[in-house]
Amino acid sequence: MLTQQTGVLLPAWIDKALPGLSGVASGLTNDLDAVTAGLTLRWSSGATEGAVNSIKKIKRQLYGRAEFDLLRKMILRA
């Protein structure tokens, strides 16, 4: 489904592959439109999520150790 972008097949896959994992299946079913769109559409927000993750990592590393100026410089350098 990921490589061929066939998200429309997701409900059948959930019924077949996840009968014992009702929590996972119900979570996927609750957000079925979003999950199907993620498996079907060509665009991705992966680059944005990677940048946000990098900024959060820098922020955690400098917490309580530095002022805003250093945090700003570290983020701009990343």
N, C-alpha and C. Protein backbone atom coordinates (compact mmCIF):
# COMPACT_ATOMS: atom_id res chain seq x y z
N MET A 1 0.82 -1.20 0.00
CA MET A 1 0.00 0.00 0.00
C MET A 1 0.86 1.26 0.00
N LEU A 2 1.97 1.22 0.67
CA LEU A 2 2.81 2.42 0.74
C LEU A 2 3.48 2.73 -0.58
N THR A 3 4.05 1.74 -1.22
CA THR A 3 4.78 2.00 -2.45
C THR A 3 3.88 2.17 -3.66
N GLN A 4 2.73 1.52 -3.65
CA GLN A 4 1.83 1.59 -4.79
C GLN A 4 0.70 2.59 -4.59
N GLN A 5 0.68 3.22 -3.43
CA GLN A 5 -0.33 4.24 -3.09
C GLN A 5 -1.75 3.75 -3.33
N THR A 6 -2.05 2.63 -2.71
CA THR A 6 -3.39 2.04 -2.83
C THR A 6 -4.09 2.10 -1.47
N GLY A 7 -4.26 3.30 -0.96
CA GLY A 7 -4.90 3.48 0.33
C GLY A 7 -6.35 3.09 0.37
N VAL A 8 -7.01 3.03 -0.77
CA VAL A 8 -8.42 2.65 -0.80
C VAL A 8 -8.62 1.20 -0.37
N LEU A 9 -7.56 0.40 -0.38
CA LEU A 9 -7.64 -0.99 0.05
C LEU A 9 -7.47 -1.16 1.56
N LEU A 10 -7.30 -0.07 2.26
CA LEU A 10 -7.02 -0.12 3.70
C LEU A 10 -8.12 -0.80 4.52
N PRO A 11 -9.40 -0.50 4.34
CA PRO A 11 -10.42 -1.17 5.16
C PRO A 11 -10.39 -2.69 5.05
N ALA A 12 -10.19 -3.20 3.85
CA ALA A 12 -10.11 -4.66 3.69
C ALA A 12 -8.86 -5.21 4.38
N TRP A 13 -7.75 -4.47 4.30
CA TRP A 13 -6.52 -4.90 4.95
C TRP A 13 -6.68 -4.92 6.47
N ILE A 14 -7.36 -3.92 7.02
CA ILE A 14 -7.58 -3.86 8.47
C ILE A 14 -8.37 -5.08 8.92
N ASP A 15 -9.43 -5.42 8.19
CA ASP A 15 -10.25 -6.58 8.55
C ASP A 15 -9.46 -7.88 8.48
N LYS A 16 -8.56 -7.98 7.52
CA LYS A 16 -7.81 -9.21 7.31
C LYS A 16 -6.59 -9.32 8.23
N ALA A 17 -5.84 -8.25 8.38
CA ALA A 17 -4.55 -8.31 9.06
C ALA A 17 -4.60 -7.99 10.55
N LEU A 18 -5.61 -7.28 11.01
CA LEU A 18 -5.61 -6.83 12.40
C LEU A 18 -6.80 -7.33 13.22
N PRO A 19 -7.23 -8.58 13.08
CA PRO A 19 -8.38 -8.99 13.88
C PRO A 19 -8.07 -9.06 15.38
N GLY A 20 -6.84 -9.38 15.75
CA GLY A 20 -6.48 -9.48 17.16
C GLY A 20 -6.03 -8.18 17.78
N LEU A 21 -5.81 -7.17 16.98
CA LEU A 21 -5.34 -5.88 17.48
C LEU A 21 -6.46 -4.86 17.36
N SER A 22 -7.46 -5.01 18.17
CA SER A 22 -8.65 -4.16 18.06
C SER A 22 -8.34 -2.70 18.35
N GLY A 23 -7.39 -2.41 19.23
CA GLY A 23 -7.05 -1.02 19.54
C GLY A 23 -6.43 -0.32 18.34
N VAL A 24 -5.52 -1.00 17.68
CA VAL A 24 -4.89 -0.42 16.48
C VAL A 24 -5.92 -0.28 15.37
N ALA A 25 -6.74 -1.32 15.20
CA ALA A 25 -7.76 -1.29 14.15
C ALA A 25 -8.76 -0.18 14.38
N SER A 26 -9.19 0.03 15.62
CA SER A 26 -10.16 1.09 15.88
C SER A 26 -9.53 2.47 15.70
N GLY A 27 -8.24 2.61 16.05
CA GLY A 27 -7.56 3.88 15.83
C GLY A 27 -7.45 4.22 14.35
N LEU A 28 -7.13 3.21 13.54
CA LEU A 28 -7.06 3.44 12.10
C LEU A 28 -8.44 3.73 11.53
N THR A 29 -9.45 3.05 12.04
CA THR A 29 -10.81 3.25 11.54
C THR A 29 -11.35 4.62 11.92
N ASN A 30 -10.99 5.11 13.11
CA ASN A 30 -11.46 6.44 13.55
C ASN A 30 -10.94 7.54 12.63
N ASP A 31 -9.71 7.39 12.17
CA ASP A 31 -9.09 8.39 11.29
C ASP A 31 -8.92 7.83 9.88
N LEU A 32 -9.89 7.07 9.42
CA LEU A 32 -9.76 6.38 8.15
C LEU A 32 -9.52 7.33 6.98
N ASP A 33 -10.20 8.47 6.95
CA ASP A 33 -10.00 9.41 5.84
C ASP A 33 -8.56 9.93 5.80
N ALA A 34 -8.02 10.27 6.97
CA ALA A 34 -6.65 10.80 7.03
C ALA A 34 -5.63 9.72 6.67
N VAL A 35 -5.83 8.52 7.18
CA VAL A 35 -4.88 7.44 6.90
C VAL A 35 -4.94 7.07 5.42
N THR A 36 -6.14 7.01 4.86
CA THR A 36 -6.28 6.70 3.43
C THR A 36 -5.61 7.78 2.58
N ALA A 37 -5.79 9.04 2.95
CA ALA A 37 -5.14 10.13 2.21
C ALA A 37 -3.63 10.01 2.30
N GLY A 38 -3.11 9.66 3.47
CA GLY A 38 -1.67 9.50 3.63
C GLY A 38 -1.10 8.36 2.81
N LEU A 39 -1.91 7.33 2.59
CA LEU A 39 -1.46 6.19 1.80
C LEU A 39 -1.73 6.36 0.31
N THR A 40 -2.48 7.38 -0.06
CA THR A 40 -2.89 7.53 -1.45
C THR A 40 -2.22 8.72 -2.14
N LEU A 41 -2.12 9.85 -1.45
CA LEU A 41 -1.60 11.06 -2.07
C LEU A 41 -0.08 11.01 -2.21
N ARG A 42 0.43 11.73 -3.18
CA ARG A 42 1.87 11.71 -3.46
C ARG A 42 2.67 12.65 -2.56
N TRP A 43 2.08 13.71 -2.06
CA TRP A 43 2.85 14.67 -1.27
C TRP A 43 3.00 14.19 0.16
N SER A 44 4.02 14.72 0.82
CA SER A 44 4.35 14.29 2.18
C SER A 44 4.82 15.49 3.00
N SER A 45 4.61 15.43 4.28
CA SER A 45 5.11 16.47 5.18
C SER A 45 6.34 15.99 5.94
N GLY A 46 7.01 14.98 5.40
CA GLY A 46 8.17 14.40 6.07
C GLY A 46 9.30 15.38 6.30
N ALA A 47 9.58 16.23 5.33
CA ALA A 47 10.67 17.20 5.49
C ALA A 47 10.36 18.20 6.60
N THR A 48 9.13 18.64 6.66
CA THR A 48 8.73 19.59 7.72
C THR A 48 8.81 18.93 9.08
N GLU A 49 8.33 17.69 9.18
CA GLU A 49 8.38 16.98 10.46
C GLU A 49 9.83 16.75 10.90
N GLY A 50 10.71 16.49 9.95
CA GLY A 50 12.12 16.31 10.28
C GLY A 50 12.74 17.58 10.83
N ALA A 51 12.39 18.73 10.24
CA ALA A 51 12.91 20.00 10.73
C ALA A 51 12.39 20.31 12.13
N VAL A 52 11.13 20.04 12.37
CA VAL A 52 10.54 20.27 13.70
C VAL A 52 11.21 19.36 14.72
N ASN A 53 11.45 18.11 14.36
CA ASN A 53 12.10 17.18 15.27
C ASN A 53 13.51 17.65 15.60
N SER A 54 14.23 18.16 14.62
CA SER A 54 15.57 18.67 14.85
C SER A 54 15.57 19.86 15.81
N ILE A 55 14.64 20.77 15.62
CA ILE A 55 14.53 21.94 16.50
C ILE A 55 14.19 21.52 17.92
N LYS A 56 13.29 20.56 18.08
CA LYS A 56 12.94 20.09 19.42
C LYS A 56 14.13 19.43 20.10
N LYS A 57 14.94 18.71 19.34
CA LYS A 57 16.13 18.07 19.91
C LYS A 57 17.11 19.12 20.43
N ILE A 58 17.35 20.14 19.64
CA ILE A 58 18.25 21.22 20.07
C ILE A 58 17.70 21.91 21.31
N LYS A 59 16.42 22.15 21.33
CA LYS A 59 15.78 22.81 22.47
C LYS A 59 15.94 21.97 23.74
N ARG A 60 15.77 20.65 23.62
CA ARG A 60 15.93 19.78 24.79
C ARG A 60 17.38 19.78 25.27
N GLN A 61 18.32 19.78 24.34
CA GLN A 61 19.73 19.75 24.73
C GLN A 61 20.15 21.02 25.46
N LEU A 62 19.58 22.15 25.10
CA LEU A 62 19.99 23.42 25.69
C LEU A 62 19.11 23.86 26.85
N TYR A 63 18.11 23.08 27.20
CA TYR A 63 17.17 23.49 28.24
C TYR A 63 17.89 23.77 29.56
N GLY A 64 17.71 24.98 30.08
CA GLY A 64 18.30 25.36 31.35
C GLY A 64 19.78 25.70 31.30
N ARG A 65 20.39 25.63 30.14
CA ARG A 65 21.83 25.86 30.03
C ARG A 65 22.19 27.12 29.28
N ALA A 66 21.27 27.62 28.48
CA ALA A 66 21.63 28.73 27.61
C ALA A 66 20.48 29.72 27.49
N GLU A 67 20.81 30.88 27.05
CA GLU A 67 19.81 31.92 26.81
C GLU A 67 19.23 31.76 25.40
N PHE A 68 18.25 32.60 25.11
CA PHE A 68 17.56 32.53 23.83
C PHE A 68 18.48 32.78 22.65
N ASP A 69 19.47 33.67 22.81
CA ASP A 69 20.38 33.99 21.70
C ASP A 69 21.13 32.76 21.20
N LEU A 70 21.63 31.95 22.12
CA LEU A 70 22.34 30.75 21.72
C LEU A 70 21.39 29.74 21.09
N LEU A 71 20.21 29.60 21.65
CA LEU A 71 19.22 28.69 21.07
C LEU A 71 18.89 29.11 19.65
N ARG A 72 18.72 30.39 19.43
CA ARG A 72 18.41 30.90 18.08
C ARG A 72 19.55 30.59 17.11
N LYS A 73 20.78 30.79 17.54
CA LYS A 73 21.93 30.53 16.67
C LYS A 73 22.04 29.04 16.34
N MET A 74 21.79 28.18 17.32
CA MET A 74 21.85 26.74 17.08
C MET A 74 20.79 26.29 16.09
N ILE A 75 19.59 26.85 16.22
CA ILE A 75 18.51 26.47 15.32
C ILE A 75 18.77 26.98 13.92
N LEU A 76 19.26 28.18 13.77
CA LEU A 76 19.56 28.72 12.45
C LEU A 76 20.72 27.98 11.78
N ARG A 77 21.63 27.45 12.57
CA ARG A 77 22.76 26.71 12.05
C ARG A 77 22.35 25.30 11.60
N ALA A 78 21.31 24.75 12.22
CA ALA A 78 20.89 23.36 11.92
C ALA A 78 20.26 23.21 10.57
